PDB file of N, CA and C in Angstrom:
ATOM      1  N   MET A   1      -3.455 -41.888  12.913  1.00  0.00           N
ATOM      2  CA  MET A   1      -2.883 -40.721  13.543  1.00  0.00           C
ATOM      3  C   MET A   1      -2.459 -39.682  12.502  1.00  0.00           C
ATOM      4  N   ALA A   2      -1.950 -40.155  11.353  1.00  0.00           N
ATOM      5  CA  ALA A   2      -1.584 -39.214  10.294  1.00  0.00           C
ATOM      6  C   ALA A   2      -2.814 -38.449   9.807  1.00  0.00           C
ATOM      7  N   PHE A   3      -3.935 -39.149   9.711  1.00  0.00           N
ATOM      8  CA  PHE A   3      -5.176 -38.482   9.312  1.00  0.00           C
ATOM      9  C   PHE A   3      -5.599 -37.455  10.359  1.00  0.00           C
ATOM     10  N   ALA A   4      -5.394 -37.753  11.636  1.00  0.00           N
ATOM     11  CA  ALA A   4      -5.755 -36.812  12.690  1.00  0.00           C
ATOM     12  C   ALA A   4      -4.924 -35.534  12.598  1.00  0.00           C
ATOM     13  N   VAL A   5      -3.650 -35.663  12.247  1.00  0.00           N
ATOM     14  CA  VAL A   5      -2.803 -34.480  12.090  1.00  0.00           C
ATOM     15  C   VAL A   5      -3.304 -33.623  10.931  1.00  0.00           C
ATOM     16  N   PHE A   6      -3.582 -34.272   9.789  1.00  0.00           N
ATOM     17  CA  PHE A   6      -4.115 -33.531   8.643  1.00  0.00           C
ATOM     18  C   PHE A   6      -5.449 -32.881   8.973  1.00  0.00           C
ATOM     19  N   GLN A   7      -6.322 -33.597   9.651  1.00  0.00           N
ATOM     20  CA  GLN A   7      -7.643 -33.075   9.990  1.00  0.00           C
ATOM     21  C   GLN A   7      -7.530 -31.875  10.921  1.00  0.00           C
ATOM     22  N   PHE A   8      -6.645 -31.945  11.905  1.00  0.00           N
ATOM     23  CA  PHE A   8      -6.474 -30.810  12.818  1.00  0.00           C
ATOM     24  C   PHE A   8      -5.984 -29.580  12.070  1.00  0.00           C
ATOM     25  N   LEU A   9      -4.985 -29.752  11.209  1.00  0.00           N
ATOM     26  CA  LEU A   9      -4.448 -28.610  10.475  1.00  0.00           C
ATOM     27  C   LEU A   9      -5.466 -28.036   9.507  1.00  0.00           C
ATOM     28  N   TRP A  10      -6.309 -28.883   8.936  1.00  0.00           N
ATOM     29  CA  TRP A  10      -7.327 -28.419   8.003  1.00  0.00           C
ATOM     30  C   TRP A  10      -8.416 -27.650   8.724  1.00  0.00           C
ATOM     31  N   VAL A  11      -8.899 -28.183   9.844  1.00  0.00           N
ATOM     32  CA  VAL A  11      -9.974 -27.537  10.583  1.00  0.00           C
ATOM     33  C   VAL A  11      -9.486 -26.268  11.270  1.00  0.00           C
ATOM     34  N   CYS A  12      -8.242 -26.240  11.675  1.00  0.00           N
ATOM     35  CA  CYS A  12      -7.699 -25.070  12.358  1.00  0.00           C
ATOM     36  C   CYS A  12      -7.755 -23.830  11.466  1.00  0.00           C
ATOM     37  N   ASN A  13      -7.624 -24.000  10.167  1.00  0.00           N
ATOM     38  CA  ASN A  13      -7.613 -22.873   9.248  1.00  0.00           C
ATOM     39  C   ASN A  13      -8.939 -22.660   8.528  1.00  0.00           C
ATOM     40  N   ASP A  14     -10.009 -23.267   9.000  1.00  0.00           N
ATOM     41  CA  ASP A  14     -11.294 -23.184   8.311  1.00  0.00           C
ATOM     42  C   ASP A  14     -12.059 -21.943   8.784  1.00  0.00           C
ATOM     43  N   TYR A  15     -12.170 -20.961   7.922  1.00  0.00           N
ATOM     44  CA  TYR A  15     -12.881 -19.725   8.254  1.00  0.00           C
ATOM     45  C   TYR A  15     -14.383 -19.933   8.344  1.00  0.00           C
ATOM     46  N   LEU A  16     -14.955 -20.662   7.396  1.00  0.00           N
ATOM     47  CA  LEU A  16     -16.412 -20.754   7.274  1.00  0.00           C
ATOM     48  C   LEU A  16     -17.034 -21.439   8.482  1.00  0.00           C
ATOM     49  N   VAL A  17     -16.461 -22.518   8.943  1.00  0.00           N
ATOM     50  CA  VAL A  17     -17.025 -23.223  10.096  1.00  0.00           C
ATOM     51  C   VAL A  17     -16.989 -22.340  11.326  1.00  0.00           C
ATOM     52  N   ALA A  18     -15.884 -21.665  11.540  1.00  0.00           N
ATOM     53  CA  ALA A  18     -15.779 -20.779  12.698  1.00  0.00           C
ATOM     54  C   ALA A  18     -16.770 -19.630  12.598  1.00  0.00           C
ATOM     55  N   LEU A  19     -16.947 -19.108  11.421  1.00  0.00           N
ATOM     56  CA  LEU A  19     -17.870 -17.985  11.246  1.00  0.00           C
ATOM     57  C   LEU A  19     -19.318 -18.414  11.432  1.00  0.00           C
ATOM     58  N   VAL A  20     -19.678 -19.597  10.924  1.00  0.00           N
ATOM     59  CA  VAL A  20     -21.059 -20.063  11.025  1.00  0.00           C
ATOM     60  C   VAL A  20     -21.415 -20.456  12.459  1.00  0.00           C
ATOM     61  N   PHE A  21     -20.569 -21.230  13.100  1.00  0.00           N
ATOM     62  CA  PHE A  21     -20.915 -21.738  14.424  1.00  0.00           C
ATOM     63  C   PHE A  21     -20.724 -20.715  15.539  1.00  0.00           C
ATOM     64  N   LEU A  22     -19.760 -19.839  15.420  1.00  0.00           N
ATOM     65  CA  LEU A  22     -19.516 -18.868  16.477  1.00  0.00           C
ATOM     66  C   LEU A  22     -20.230 -17.538  16.244  1.00  0.00           C
ATOM     67  N   GLY A  23     -20.609 -17.266  15.019  1.00  0.00           N
ATOM     68  CA  GLY A  23     -21.274 -16.015  14.722  1.00  0.00           C
ATOM     69  C   GLY A  23     -20.273 -14.941  14.346  1.00  0.00           C
ATOM     70  N   GLY A  24     -20.777 -13.790  13.993  1.00  0.00           N
ATOM     71  CA  GLY A  24     -19.900 -12.740  13.502  1.00  0.00           C
ATOM     72  C   GLY A  24     -19.589 -11.647  14.498  1.00  0.00           C
ATOM     73  N   THR A  25     -19.955 -11.844  15.767  1.00  0.00           N
ATOM     74  CA  THR A  25     -19.686 -10.782  16.737  1.00  0.00           C
ATOM     75  C   THR A  25     -18.207 -10.758  17.113  1.00  0.00           C
ATOM     76  N   ARG A  26     -17.748  -9.611  17.526  1.00  0.00           N
ATOM     77  CA  ARG A  26     -16.331  -9.428  17.812  1.00  0.00           C
ATOM     78  C   ARG A  26     -15.829 -10.222  19.018  1.00  0.00           C
ATOM     79  N   ASP A  27     -16.681 -10.494  19.976  1.00  0.00           N
ATOM     80  CA  ASP A  27     -16.208 -11.140  21.202  1.00  0.00           C
ATOM     81  C   ASP A  27     -16.044 -12.657  21.072  1.00  0.00           C
ATOM     82  N   VAL A  28     -16.541 -13.266  19.997  1.00  0.00           N
ATOM     83  CA  VAL A  28     -16.414 -14.726  19.848  1.00  0.00           C
ATOM     84  C   VAL A  28     -15.663 -15.124  18.584  1.00  0.00           C
ATOM     85  N   ARG A  29     -15.007 -14.196  17.940  1.00  0.00           N
ATOM     86  CA  ARG A  29     -14.247 -14.530  16.734  1.00  0.00           C
ATOM     87  C   ARG A  29     -12.978 -15.298  17.080  1.00  0.00           C
ATOM     88  N   VAL A  30     -12.617 -16.198  16.166  1.00  0.00           N
ATOM     89  CA  VAL A  30     -11.366 -16.934  16.355  1.00  0.00           C
ATOM     90  C   VAL A  30     -10.214 -16.124  15.772  1.00  0.00           C
ATOM     91  N   MET A  31      -8.993 -16.569  16.071  1.00  0.00           N
ATOM     92  CA  MET A  31      -7.797 -15.817  15.683  1.00  0.00           C
ATOM     93  C   MET A  31      -7.667 -15.673  14.166  1.00  0.00           C
ATOM     94  N   THR A  32      -8.012 -16.713  13.409  1.00  0.00           N
ATOM     95  CA  THR A  32      -7.825 -16.634  11.963  1.00  0.00           C
ATOM     96  C   THR A  32      -8.754 -15.618  11.317  1.00  0.00           C
ATOM     97  N   ILE A  33      -9.959 -15.460  11.840  1.00  0.00           N
ATOM     98  CA  ILE A  33     -10.876 -14.451  11.293  1.00  0.00           C
ATOM     99  C   ILE A  33     -10.382 -13.052  11.642  1.00  0.00           C
ATOM    100  N   ASN A  34      -9.897 -12.862  12.859  1.00  0.00           N
ATOM    101  CA  ASN A  34      -9.326 -11.565  13.230  1.00  0.00           C
ATOM    102  C   ASN A  34      -8.089 -11.251  12.404  1.00  0.00           C
ATOM    103  N   LEU A  35      -7.323 -12.277  12.082  1.00  0.00           N
ATOM    104  CA  LEU A  35      -6.130 -12.067  11.263  1.00  0.00           C
ATOM    105  C   LEU A  35      -6.511 -11.598   9.859  1.00  0.00           C
ATOM    106  N   ALA A  36      -7.582 -12.146   9.308  1.00  0.00           N
ATOM    107  CA  ALA A  36      -8.023 -11.724   7.978  1.00  0.00           C
ATOM    108  C   ALA A  36      -8.470 -10.260   7.972  1.00  0.00           C
ATOM    109  N   GLU A  37      -8.970  -9.773   9.078  1.00  0.00           N
ATOM    110  CA  GLU A  37      -9.403  -8.379   9.152  1.00  0.00           C
ATOM    111  C   GLU A  37      -8.254  -7.407   9.410  1.00  0.00           C
ATOM    112  N   LEU A  38      -7.085  -7.905   9.746  1.00  0.00           N
ATOM    113  CA  LEU A  38      -5.946  -7.019   9.982  1.00  0.00           C
ATOM    114  C   LEU A  38      -5.421  -6.380   8.700  1.00  0.00           C
ATOM    115  N   ILE A  39      -5.779  -6.927   7.566  1.00  0.00           N
ATOM    116  CA  ILE A  39      -5.283  -6.387   6.302  1.00  0.00           C
ATOM    117  C   ILE A  39      -5.753  -4.945   6.126  1.00  0.00           C
ATOM    118  N   GLY A  40      -6.954  -4.661   6.547  1.00  0.00           N
ATOM    119  CA  GLY A  40      -7.461  -3.304   6.452  1.00  0.00           C
ATOM    120  C   GLY A  40      -8.086  -3.026   5.091  1.00  0.00           C
ATOM    121  N   GLN A  41      -8.615  -1.842   4.941  1.00  0.00           N
ATOM    122  CA  GLN A  41      -9.314  -1.477   3.717  1.00  0.00           C
ATOM    123  C   GLN A  41      -8.352  -1.290   2.551  1.00  0.00           C
ATOM    124  N   HIS A  42      -7.190  -0.744   2.792  1.00  0.00           N
ATOM    125  CA  HIS A  42      -6.248  -0.455   1.719  1.00  0.00           C
ATOM    126  C   HIS A  42      -5.001  -1.331   1.761  1.00  0.00           C
ATOM    127  N   GLY A  43      -4.989  -2.342   2.592  1.00  0.00           N
ATOM    128  CA  GLY A  43      -3.862  -3.263   2.642  1.00  0.00           C
ATOM    129  C   GLY A  43      -2.671  -2.760   3.431  1.00  0.00           C
ATOM    130  N   GLN A  44      -2.883  -1.853   4.350  1.00  0.00           N
ATOM    131  CA  GLN A  44      -1.774  -1.361   5.159  1.00  0.00           C
ATOM    132  C   GLN A  44      -1.601  -2.246   6.391  1.00  0.00           C
ATOM    133  N   ASP A  45      -0.688  -1.902   7.251  1.00  0.00           N
ATOM    134  CA  ASP A  45      -0.391  -2.625   8.495  1.00  0.00           C
ATOM    135  C   ASP A  45       0.095  -4.040   8.240  1.00  0.00           C
ATOM    136  N   TRP A  46       1.031  -4.203   7.315  1.00  0.00           N
ATOM    137  CA  TRP A  46       1.565  -5.528   7.019  1.00  0.00           C
ATOM    138  C   TRP A  46       2.421  -6.062   8.154  1.00  0.00           C
ATOM    139  N   HIS A  47       3.006  -5.181   8.941  1.00  0.00           N
ATOM    140  CA  HIS A  47       3.789  -5.647  10.083  1.00  0.00           C
ATOM    141  C   HIS A  47       2.907  -6.342  11.110  1.00  0.00           C
ATOM    142  N   LEU A  48       1.685  -5.866  11.312  1.00  0.00           N
ATOM    143  CA  LEU A  48       0.750  -6.534  12.212  1.00  0.00           C
ATOM    144  C   LEU A  48       0.259  -7.850  11.632  1.00  0.00           C
ATOM    145  N   LEU A  49       0.056  -7.862  10.327  1.00  0.00           N
ATOM    146  CA  LEU A  49      -0.426  -9.079   9.676  1.00  0.00           C
ATOM    147  C   LEU A  49       0.597 -10.203   9.748  1.00  0.00           C
ATOM    148  N   THR A  50       1.857  -9.889   9.502  1.00  0.00           N
ATOM    149  CA  THR A  50       2.874 -10.938   9.559  1.00  0.00           C
ATOM    150  C   THR A  50       3.107 -11.414  10.990  1.00  0.00           C
ATOM    151  N   ALA A  51       3.044 -10.530  11.953  1.00  0.00           N
ATOM    152  CA  ALA A  51       3.181 -10.947  13.353  1.00  0.00           C
ATOM    153  C   ALA A  51       2.003 -11.823  13.770  1.00  0.00           C
ATOM    154  N   GLY A  52       0.815 -11.460  13.364  1.00  0.00           N
ATOM    155  CA  GLY A  52      -0.364 -12.272  13.672  1.00  0.00           C
ATOM    156  C   GLY A  52      -0.329 -13.621  12.978  1.00  0.00           C
ATOM    157  N   ALA A  53       0.159 -13.656  11.749  1.00  0.00           N
ATOM    158  CA  ALA A  53       0.272 -14.933  11.029  1.00  0.00           C
ATOM    159  C   ALA A  53       1.252 -15.858  11.724  1.00  0.00           C
ATOM    160  N   PHE A  54       2.334 -15.316  12.229  1.00  0.00           N
ATOM    161  CA  PHE A  54       3.297 -16.134  12.971  1.00  0.00           C
ATOM    162  C   PHE A  54       2.677 -16.700  14.241  1.00  0.00           C
ATOM    163  N   ILE A  55       1.903 -15.896  14.945  1.00  0.00           N
ATOM    164  CA  ILE A  55       1.264 -16.358  16.179  1.00  0.00           C
ATOM    165  C   ILE A  55       0.244 -17.455  15.880  1.00  0.00           C
ATOM    166  N   THR A  56      -0.523 -17.323  14.794  1.00  0.00           N
ATOM    167  CA  THR A  56      -1.514 -18.354  14.476  1.00  0.00           C
ATOM    168  C   THR A  56      -0.863 -19.630  13.967  1.00  0.00           C
ATOM    169  N   MET A  57       0.378 -19.578  13.527  1.00  0.00           N
ATOM    170  CA  MET A  57       1.065 -20.788  13.062  1.00  0.00           C
ATOM    171  C   MET A  57       1.664 -21.586  14.203  1.00  0.00           C
ATOM    172  N   VAL A  58       1.771 -21.019  15.387  1.00  0.00           N
ATOM    173  CA  VAL A  58       2.456 -21.694  16.490  1.00  0.00           C
ATOM    174  C   VAL A  58       1.726 -22.973  16.905  1.00  0.00           C
ATOM    175  N   LEU A  59       0.424 -22.923  17.132  1.00  0.00           N
ATOM    176  CA  LEU A  59      -0.317 -24.101  17.583  1.00  0.00           C
ATOM    177  C   LEU A  59      -0.291 -25.248  16.573  1.00  0.00           C
ATOM    178  N   PRO A  60      -0.578 -25.021  15.272  1.00  0.00           N
ATOM    179  CA  PRO A  60      -0.471 -26.141  14.331  1.00  0.00           C
ATOM    180  C   PRO A  60       0.941 -26.716  14.224  1.00  0.00           C
ATOM    181  N   MET A  61       1.960 -25.880  14.345  1.00  0.00           N
ATOM    182  CA  MET A  61       3.329 -26.387  14.288  1.00  0.00           C
ATOM    183  C   MET A  61       3.647 -27.241  15.508  1.00  0.00           C
ATOM    184  N   VAL A  62       3.182 -26.843  16.680  1.00  0.00           N
ATOM    185  CA  VAL A  62       3.402 -27.637  17.886  1.00  0.00           C
ATOM    186  C   VAL A  62       2.716 -28.987  17.764  1.00  0.00           C
ATOM    187  N   VAL A  63       1.480 -28.991  17.268  1.00  0.00           N
ATOM    188  CA  VAL A  63       0.759 -30.261  17.081  1.00  0.00           C
ATOM    189  C   VAL A  63       1.472 -31.130  16.061  1.00  0.00           C
ATOM    190  N   PHE A  64       1.911 -30.555  14.960  1.00  0.00           N
ATOM    191  CA  PHE A  64       2.591 -31.342  13.933  1.00  0.00           C
ATOM    192  C   PHE A  64       3.887 -31.948  14.461  1.00  0.00           C
ATOM    193  N   PHE A  65       4.703 -31.157  15.127  1.00  0.00           N
ATOM    194  CA  PHE A  65       5.969 -31.685  15.613  1.00  0.00           C
ATOM    195  C   PHE A  65       5.783 -32.681  16.759  1.00  0.00           C
ATOM    196  N   ALA A  66       4.733 -32.506  17.551  1.00  0.00           N
ATOM    197  CA  ALA A  66       4.464 -33.463  18.618  1.00  0.00           C
ATOM    198  C   ALA A  66       4.008 -34.812  18.058  1.00  0.00           C
ATOM    199  N   LEU A  67       3.303 -34.798  16.951  1.00  0.00           N
ATOM    200  CA  LEU A  67       2.765 -36.025  16.356  1.00  0.00           C
ATOM    201  C   LEU A  67       3.498 -36.418  15.079  1.00  0.00           C
ATOM    202  N   GLN A  68       4.692 -35.900  14.882  1.00  0.00           N
ATOM    203  CA  GLN A  68       5.436 -36.158  13.654  1.00  0.00           C
ATOM    204  C   GLN A  68       5.756 -37.636  13.487  1.00  0.00           C
ATOM    205  N   HIS A  69       6.029 -38.344  14.557  1.00  0.00           N
ATOM    206  CA  HIS A  69       6.350 -39.767  14.482  1.00  0.00           C
ATOM    207  C   HIS A  69       5.179 -40.545  13.880  1.00  0.00           C
ATOM    208  N   PHE A  70       3.959 -40.245  14.329  1.00  0.00           N
ATOM    209  CA  PHE A  70       2.780 -40.921  13.802  1.00  0.00           C
ATOM    210  C   PHE A  70       2.517 -40.530  12.356  1.00  0.00           C
ATOM    211  N   PHE A  71       2.806 -39.291  12.032  1.00  0.00           N
ATOM    212  CA  PHE A  71       2.613 -38.821  10.662  1.00  0.00           C
ATOM    213  C   PHE A  71       3.528 -39.572   9.696  1.00  0.00           C
ATOM    214  N   VAL A  72       4.790 -39.704  10.046  1.00  0.00           N
ATOM    215  CA  VAL A  72       5.745 -40.408   9.182  1.00  0.00           C
ATOM    216  C   VAL A  72       5.394 -41.888   9.105  1.00  0.00           C
ATOM    217  N   ARG A  73       4.988 -42.474  10.219  1.00  0.00           N
ATOM    218  CA  ARG A  73       4.590 -43.870  10.216  1.00  0.00           C
ATOM    219  C   ARG A  73       3.383 -44.100   9.305  1.00  0.00           C
ATOM    220  N   GLY A  74       2.430 -43.193   9.326  1.00  0.00           N
ATOM    221  CA  GLY A  74       1.261 -43.319   8.448  1.00  0.00           C
ATOM    222  C   GLY A  74       1.594 -43.138   6.985  1.00  0.00           C
ATOM    223  N   MET A  75       2.546 -42.253   6.696  1.00  0.00           N
ATOM    224  CA  MET A  75       2.941 -42.027   5.305  1.00  0.00           C
ATOM    225  C   MET A  75       3.721 -43.208   4.742  1.00  0.00           C
ATOM    226  N   THR A  76       4.499 -43.881   5.579  1.00  0.00           N
ATOM    227  CA  THR A  76       5.316 -44.995   5.086  1.00  0.00           C
ATOM    228  C   THR A  76       4.670 -46.354   5.345  1.00  0.00           C
ATOM    229  N   ALA A  77       3.439 -46.398   5.798  1.00  0.00           N
ATOM    230  CA  ALA A  77       2.781 -47.675   6.111  1.00  0.00           C
ATOM    231  C   ALA A  77       2.566 -48.517   4.866  1.00  0.00           C
ATOM    232  N   GLY A  78       2.356 -47.901   3.737  1.00  0.00           N
ATOM    233  CA  GLY A  78       2.112 -48.660   2.511  1.00  0.00           C
ATOM    234  C   GLY A  78       3.336 -48.872   1.670  1.00  0.00           C
ATOM    235  N   SER A  79       4.488 -48.467   2.140  1.00  0.00           N
ATOM    236  CA  SER A  79       5.695 -48.613   1.335  1.00  0.00           C
ATOM    237  C   SER A  79       6.176 -50.064   1.358  1.00  0.00           C
ATOM    238  N   VAL A  80       6.935 -50.419   0.365  1.00  0.00           N
ATOM    239  CA  VAL A  80       7.449 -51.775   0.240  1.00  0.00           C
ATOM    240  C   VAL A  80       8.876 -51.806   0.759  1.00  0.00           C
ATOM    241  N   ASN A  81       9.161 -52.682   1.669  1.00  0.00           N
ATOM    242  CA  ASN A  81      10.527 -52.846   2.183  1.00  0.00           C
ATOM    243  C   ASN A  81      11.256 -53.878   1.334  1.00  0.00           C
ATOM    244  N   ALA A  82      12.452 -53.555   0.903  1.00  0.00           N
ATOM    245  CA  ALA A  82      13.205 -54.488   0.082  1.00  0.00           C
ATOM    246  C   ALA A  82      14.207 -55.258   0.882  1.00  0.00           C
TER     247      ALA A  82
END
């Protein structure tokens, strides 16, 4: 289960897979690719970028906190009890 949490968080932020499988058209882009384009040509609109970054962090945080028990159990599975 700990591996599943890591895998979900890793795949959720993967730009290349989303770009290759969904294509580059505007109607099928995922949120992370749209967020990368919010920076703009000269780096303006930082208020939109930070708001969008917060929105894209909500789903991975919900998954992590929902599965936190399994994550901690997986991390401490190899520890030695004294």
